[in-house]
Amino acid sequence: MTLNQRSLASRIARLRQFIKAIDRLKTKYDRKTFLSKEDTQRLVERYLQLALEAVLDISDQIIAQEGLRKPEE
């Protein structure tokens, strides 16, 4: 496995960890309880933020590896 493959695999593993953490919280609380727990809502929000950052990191790496260019804003 090359350095790029290990790096990509590591980023995907991190993304999976964040998703699993959200799933654990999802099964722990019903909707009503979840909505009454502001701290838990903030925790899920943070996990979502970290997951999104991981997705962006993964896409950046793939773009770089394939020699593509990022879309213009």
C-alpha atoms as a PDB file:
ATOM      1  CA  MET A   1       0.000   0.000   0.000  1.00  0.00           C
ATOM      2  CA  THR A   2       1.430   3.365  -1.010  1.00  0.00           C
ATOM      3  CA  LEU A   3       1.618   6.397   1.233  1.00  0.00           C
ATOM      4  CA  ASN A   4      -1.326   7.971  -0.627  1.00  0.00           C
ATOM      5  CA  GLN A   5      -3.403   4.817  -0.191  1.00  0.00           C
ATOM      6  CA  ARG A   6      -2.592   4.663   3.530  1.00  0.00           C
ATOM      7  CA  SER A   7      -3.477   8.323   3.917  1.00  0.00           C
ATOM      8  CA  LEU A   8      -6.775   7.856   2.102  1.00  0.00           C
ATOM      9  CA  ALA A   9      -7.572   4.720   4.111  1.00  0.00           C
ATOM     10  CA  SER A  10      -6.842   6.609   7.327  1.00  0.00           C
ATOM     11  CA  ARG A  11      -9.174   9.435   6.348  1.00  0.00           C
ATOM     12  CA  ILE A  12     -11.928   7.002   5.429  1.00  0.00           C
ATOM     13  CA  ALA A  13     -11.451   5.216   8.770  1.00  0.00           C
ATOM     14  CA  ARG A  14     -11.849   8.546  10.596  1.00  0.00           C
ATOM     15  CA  LEU A  15     -15.032   9.259   8.647  1.00  0.00           C
ATOM     16  CA  ARG A  16     -16.392   5.844   9.631  1.00  0.00           C
ATOM     17  CA  GLN A  17     -15.593   6.554  13.291  1.00  0.00           C
ATOM     18  CA  PHE A  18     -17.603   9.778  13.198  1.00  0.00           C
ATOM     19  CA  ILE A  19     -20.530   8.036  11.530  1.00  0.00           C
ATOM     20  CA  LYS A  20     -20.447   5.222  14.106  1.00  0.00           C
ATOM     21  CA  ALA A  21     -20.423   7.769  16.930  1.00  0.00           C
ATOM     22  CA  ILE A  22     -23.510   9.448  15.472  1.00  0.00           C
ATOM     23  CA  ASP A  23     -25.200   6.055  15.044  1.00  0.00           C
ATOM     24  CA  ARG A  24     -24.497   5.171  18.693  1.00  0.00           C
ATOM     25  CA  LEU A  25     -26.149   8.388  19.828  1.00  0.00           C
ATOM     26  CA  LYS A  26     -29.020   7.808  17.415  1.00  0.00           C
ATOM     27  CA  THR A  27     -29.784   4.434  18.977  1.00  0.00           C
ATOM     28  CA  LYS A  28     -29.319   5.731  22.518  1.00  0.00           C
ATOM     29  CA  TYR A  29     -32.001   8.432  22.373  1.00  0.00           C
ATOM     30  CA  ASP A  30     -35.452   8.638  20.881  1.00  0.00           C
ATOM     31  CA  ARG A  31     -36.310  11.846  19.005  1.00  0.00           C
ATOM     32  CA  LYS A  32     -38.081  13.530  21.915  1.00  0.00           C
ATOM     33  CA  THR A  33     -35.260  12.823  24.363  1.00  0.00           C
ATOM     34  CA  PHE A  34     -32.632  13.874  21.849  1.00  0.00           C
ATOM     35  CA  LEU A  35     -34.396  17.178  21.214  1.00  0.00           C
ATOM     36  CA  SER A  36     -34.509  17.857  24.953  1.00  0.00           C
ATOM     37  CA  LYS A  37     -30.733  17.358  25.385  1.00  0.00           C
ATOM     38  CA  GLU A  38     -28.908  20.371  24.037  1.00  0.00           C
ATOM     39  CA  ASP A  39     -25.474  18.985  24.910  1.00  0.00           C
ATOM     40  CA  THR A  40     -26.150  15.834  22.908  1.00  0.00           C
ATOM     41  CA  GLN A  41     -27.405  17.891  19.970  1.00  0.00           C
ATOM     42  CA  ARG A  42     -24.165  19.890  20.031  1.00  0.00           C
ATOM     43  CA  LEU A  43     -22.150  16.675  20.172  1.00  0.00           C
ATOM     44  CA  VAL A  44     -23.923  15.299  17.097  1.00  0.00           C
ATOM     45  CA  GLU A  45     -23.441  18.639  15.372  1.00  0.00           C
ATOM     46  CA  ARG A  46     -19.706  18.428  16.065  1.00  0.00           C
ATOM     47  CA  TYR A  47     -19.503  14.857  14.764  1.00  0.00           C
ATOM     48  CA  LEU A  48     -21.310  15.972  11.606  1.00  0.00           C
ATOM     49  CA  GLN A  49     -18.852  18.831  11.199  1.00  0.00           C
ATOM     50  CA  LEU A  50     -15.890  16.477  11.592  1.00  0.00           C
ATOM     51  CA  ALA A  51     -17.452  14.004   9.151  1.00  0.00           C
ATOM     52  CA  LEU A  52     -17.948  16.738   6.573  1.00  0.00           C
ATOM     53  CA  GLU A  53     -14.346  17.890   6.997  1.00  0.00           C
ATOM     54  CA  ALA A  54     -13.206  14.295   6.495  1.00  0.00           C
ATOM     55  CA  VAL A  55     -15.249  14.061   3.273  1.00  0.00           C
ATOM     56  CA  LEU A  56     -13.688  17.295   2.019  1.00  0.00           C
ATOM     57  CA  ASP A  57     -10.194  16.021   2.898  1.00  0.00           C
ATOM     58  CA  ILE A  58     -10.882  12.773   1.053  1.00  0.00           C
ATOM     59  CA  SER A  59     -12.142  14.610  -2.017  1.00  0.00           C
ATOM     60  CA  ASP A  60      -9.142  16.970  -1.982  1.00  0.00           C
ATOM     61  CA  GLN A  61      -6.778  14.012  -1.849  1.00  0.00           C
ATOM     62  CA  ILE A  62      -8.521  12.225  -4.712  1.00  0.00           C
ATOM     63  CA  ILE A  63      -8.478  15.402  -6.803  1.00  0.00           C
ATOM     64  CA  ALA A  64      -4.754  15.822  -6.150  1.00  0.00           C
ATOM     65  CA  GLN A  65      -3.928  12.164  -6.816  1.00  0.00           C
ATOM     66  CA  GLU A  66      -5.818  12.135 -10.101  1.00  0.00           C
ATOM     67  CA  GLY A  67      -4.258  15.403 -11.199  1.00  0.00           C
ATOM     68  CA  LEU A  68      -7.621  17.071 -11.491  1.00  0.00           C
ATOM     69  CA  ARG A  69      -8.374  20.659 -10.696  1.00  0.00           C
ATOM     70  CA  LYS A  70     -10.849  21.917  -8.170  1.00  0.00           C
ATOM     71  CA  PRO A  71     -13.966  23.559  -9.590  1.00  0.00           C
ATOM     72  CA  GLU A  72     -13.915  27.311  -9.616  1.00  0.00           C
ATOM     73  CA  GLU A  73     -16.151  29.030  -7.130  1.00  0.00           C
END
